[in-house]
Amino acid sequence: MTKRKIATHPDWDRILRSRSAVSTIADENFQVTAPMAAEYPDHDSLCVLADGYSWLRCFPQSPHHIMTFMFDADGHVLQLWVDVCLDHGIDAAGLSWWDDLYLDIVVLPDGYLEMQNADELADALADRSITQVQFDLVHKEAQMLTTRLQSEYVSLMNYASVQRQHLLPLVADHL
């Protein structure tokens, strides 16, 4: 079984207040209980969640992945987090969801790329939470994404920055 995730992260106690549009956006009105940092080899600790930071979550036409661009308070892209999933959509309440297939890909602005949670994927296959067909789908999608991300990460980061600027006024209108 996949893990159904909701784009607004209602299960994260760390987030005190946020607003959401079709793509999750947070600005200076986004508050957290404590910053969250990520650690990557040969990189300084990277804060990816803090007051004033914003995330842009994109649900592309491909049903097998979603992309979350994480920005600092000044609007600089910190990282791209890609969730490989079985499917994604919007529920009756208008909230975006995805059926997570455990494997994630992280890309930093300098081009560093790392797979995350491969152990969770292997465990899910071993305990039959996912099927062999789903396991194979994850690897096929990850291979395609890795190739694409290695060649297109700069244009994706630029695209995300432009989209963030277009969407921020939409969130401001809902204050």
Protein backbone atom coordinates (compact mmCIF):
# COMPACT_ATOMS: atom_id res chain seq x y z
CA MET A 1 0.00 0.00 0.00
CA THR A 2 1.25 3.46 -0.83
CA LYS A 3 1.31 6.33 1.67
CA ARG A 4 -1.39 8.92 0.87
CA LYS A 5 0.02 12.38 1.52
CA ILE A 6 -1.82 15.70 1.63
CA ALA A 7 -0.10 18.78 0.20
CA THR A 8 -0.88 20.95 3.23
CA HIS A 9 0.92 18.54 5.63
CA PRO A 10 -1.86 18.46 8.27
CA ASP A 11 0.13 15.85 10.23
CA TRP A 12 3.18 18.10 10.71
CA ASP A 13 3.04 19.59 14.21
CA ARG A 14 6.00 21.80 13.26
CA ILE A 15 3.83 24.03 11.03
CA LEU A 16 1.76 26.44 13.12
CA ARG A 17 0.10 28.44 10.35
CA SER A 18 0.18 28.39 6.55
CA ARG A 19 -1.96 29.10 3.51
CA SER A 20 -2.33 26.98 0.44
CA ALA A 21 -3.21 27.45 -3.22
CA VAL A 22 -3.23 24.77 -5.95
CA SER A 23 0.54 24.71 -5.59
CA THR A 24 1.52 25.06 -1.94
CA ILE A 25 2.95 28.52 -1.33
CA ALA A 26 4.02 30.06 1.92
CA ASP A 27 5.47 33.52 2.52
CA GLU A 28 6.15 35.74 5.53
CA ASN A 29 2.83 34.54 6.96
CA PHE A 30 4.21 31.01 7.08
CA GLN A 31 5.26 30.11 10.62
CA VAL A 32 6.84 26.96 12.02
CA THR A 33 7.62 25.72 15.52
CA ALA A 34 11.28 25.17 14.61
CA PRO A 35 13.40 25.33 11.48
CA MET A 36 14.15 22.08 9.67
CA ALA A 37 17.56 21.43 8.15
CA ALA A 38 18.75 18.85 5.63
CA GLU A 39 22.23 17.36 5.51
CA TYR A 40 23.96 16.35 2.28
CA PRO A 41 27.53 15.12 1.72
CA ASP A 42 30.06 17.88 1.01
CA HIS A 43 27.44 20.60 1.67
CA ASP A 44 26.76 22.86 4.62
CA SER A 45 23.61 22.15 6.61
CA LEU A 46 20.69 23.42 4.53
CA CYS A 47 17.67 24.98 6.24
CA VAL A 48 14.62 24.10 4.12
CA LEU A 49 11.79 25.05 6.47
CA ALA A 50 11.67 28.24 8.53
CA ASP A 51 9.46 31.26 9.13
CA GLY A 52 9.04 33.18 5.88
CA TYR A 53 10.21 30.35 3.64
CA SER A 54 8.01 29.17 0.77
CA TRP A 55 7.43 25.92 -1.03
CA LEU A 56 6.05 25.58 -4.54
CA ARG A 57 4.58 22.15 -5.11
CA CYS A 58 3.98 21.21 -8.75
CA PHE A 59 1.80 18.36 -9.94
CA PRO A 60 2.87 17.72 -13.55
CA GLN A 61 0.84 15.85 -16.14
CA SER A 62 2.89 12.74 -15.44
CA PRO A 63 0.99 10.89 -12.71
CA HIS A 64 4.14 9.34 -11.27
CA HIS A 65 5.94 12.24 -9.62
CA ILE A 66 5.45 15.62 -8.00
CA MET A 67 8.04 18.35 -7.54
CA THR A 68 8.45 20.60 -4.49
CA PHE A 69 10.71 23.62 -4.88
CA MET A 70 11.83 25.07 -1.55
CA PHE A 71 12.70 28.78 -1.30
CA ASP A 72 14.32 30.84 1.44
CA ALA A 73 12.73 34.06 2.72
CA ASP A 74 14.49 36.04 -0.05
CA GLY A 75 13.02 33.83 -2.80
CA HIS A 76 16.18 31.85 -3.62
CA VAL A 77 15.67 28.19 -4.55
CA LEU A 78 17.21 26.01 -1.84
CA GLN A 79 16.41 22.60 -3.25
CA LEU A 80 14.06 20.60 -5.41
CA TRP A 81 12.45 17.57 -3.75
CA VAL A 82 10.82 15.07 -6.13
CA ASP A 83 8.40 12.47 -4.78
CA VAL A 84 7.91 9.40 -6.96
CA CYS A 85 4.25 8.43 -6.64
CA LEU A 86 1.65 6.04 -7.97
CA ASP A 87 -0.80 8.83 -8.73
CA HIS A 88 -1.78 12.34 -7.68
CA GLY A 89 -4.83 14.55 -7.87
CA ILE A 90 -7.15 16.96 -6.10
CA ASP A 91 -9.76 15.78 -3.59
CA ALA A 92 -13.34 17.02 -3.18
CA ALA A 93 -12.17 19.72 -0.75
CA GLY A 94 -9.74 21.07 -3.35
CA LEU A 95 -6.62 19.75 -1.59
CA SER A 96 -3.84 18.20 -3.60
CA TRP A 97 -2.79 14.66 -2.68
CA TRP A 98 -0.38 11.99 -3.90
CA ASP A 99 0.08 8.28 -3.27
CA ASP A 100 3.74 8.23 -2.31
CA LEU A 101 5.94 5.37 -3.49
CA TYR A 102 8.70 6.06 -0.95
CA LEU A 103 11.62 6.98 -3.25
CA ASP A 104 12.52 10.66 -3.45
CA ILE A 105 15.09 12.61 -5.45
CA VAL A 106 16.74 15.77 -4.12
CA VAL A 107 18.45 18.29 -6.40
CA LEU A 108 20.40 21.29 -5.10
CA PRO A 109 21.05 24.46 -7.14
CA ASP A 110 24.68 23.41 -7.70
CA GLY A 111 23.46 20.26 -9.50
CA TYR A 112 24.02 17.84 -6.62
CA LEU A 113 21.50 15.00 -6.94
CA GLU A 114 20.68 12.35 -4.34
CA MET A 115 18.15 9.53 -4.01
CA GLN A 116 16.36 9.40 -0.64
CA ASN A 117 14.48 6.62 1.14
CA ALA A 118 15.56 3.69 -1.04
CA ASP A 119 15.54 1.63 2.17
CA GLU A 120 11.85 2.46 2.72
CA LEU A 121 11.11 1.39 -0.85
CA ALA A 122 12.90 -1.94 -0.36
CA ASP A 123 11.08 -2.48 2.96
CA ALA A 124 7.73 -1.71 1.31
CA LEU A 125 8.39 -4.38 -1.31
CA ALA A 126 9.61 -6.88 1.30
CA ASP A 127 6.54 -6.43 3.51
CA ARG A 128 4.25 -6.35 0.45
CA SER A 129 3.07 -2.79 1.03
CA ILE A 130 3.74 -2.34 -2.69
CA THR A 131 3.80 -4.81 -5.57
CA GLN A 132 6.72 -5.75 -7.79
CA VAL A 133 5.01 -3.84 -10.61
CA GLN A 134 4.92 -0.68 -8.45
CA PHE A 135 8.54 -1.24 -7.39
CA ASP A 136 9.58 -1.49 -11.06
CA LEU A 137 7.55 1.63 -11.89
CA VAL A 138 9.47 3.55 -9.21
CA HIS A 139 12.81 2.56 -10.70
CA LYS A 140 11.73 3.37 -14.25
CA GLU A 141 10.39 6.78 -13.17
CA ALA A 142 13.49 7.51 -11.07
CA GLN A 143 15.79 6.67 -13.97
CA MET A 144 13.85 8.97 -16.32
CA LEU A 145 13.77 11.75 -13.72
CA THR A 146 17.47 11.47 -12.90
CA THR A 147 18.40 11.86 -16.56
CA ARG A 148 16.03 14.80 -16.98
CA LEU A 149 17.04 16.52 -13.75
CA GLN A 150 20.74 16.27 -14.52
CA SER A 151 20.25 18.01 -17.85
CA GLU A 152 17.44 20.45 -16.99
CA TYR A 153 17.89 21.43 -13.33
CA VAL A 154 18.90 25.04 -14.08
CA SER A 155 15.87 25.66 -16.29
CA LEU A 156 13.61 23.95 -13.73
CA MET A 157 14.94 26.16 -10.92
CA ASN A 158 14.39 29.27 -13.07
CA TYR A 159 10.89 28.09 -14.01
CA ALA A 160 10.02 27.57 -10.34
CA SER A 161 11.22 31.06 -9.43
CA VAL A 162 9.04 32.61 -12.15
CA GLN A 163 5.99 30.55 -11.11
CA ARG A 164 6.49 31.50 -7.46
CA GLN A 165 6.42 35.20 -8.42
CA HIS A 166 3.18 34.66 -10.38
CA LEU A 167 1.50 32.78 -7.54
CA LEU A 168 2.49 34.89 -4.53
CA PRO A 169 -0.11 37.60 -5.33
CA LEU A 170 -2.83 34.93 -5.40
CA VAL A 171 -1.99 33.93 -1.85
CA ALA A 172 -1.80 37.56 -0.71
CA ASP A 173 -5.37 38.07 -1.95
CA HIS A 174 -6.59 35.45 0.55
CA LEU A 175 -5.25 37.12 3.70
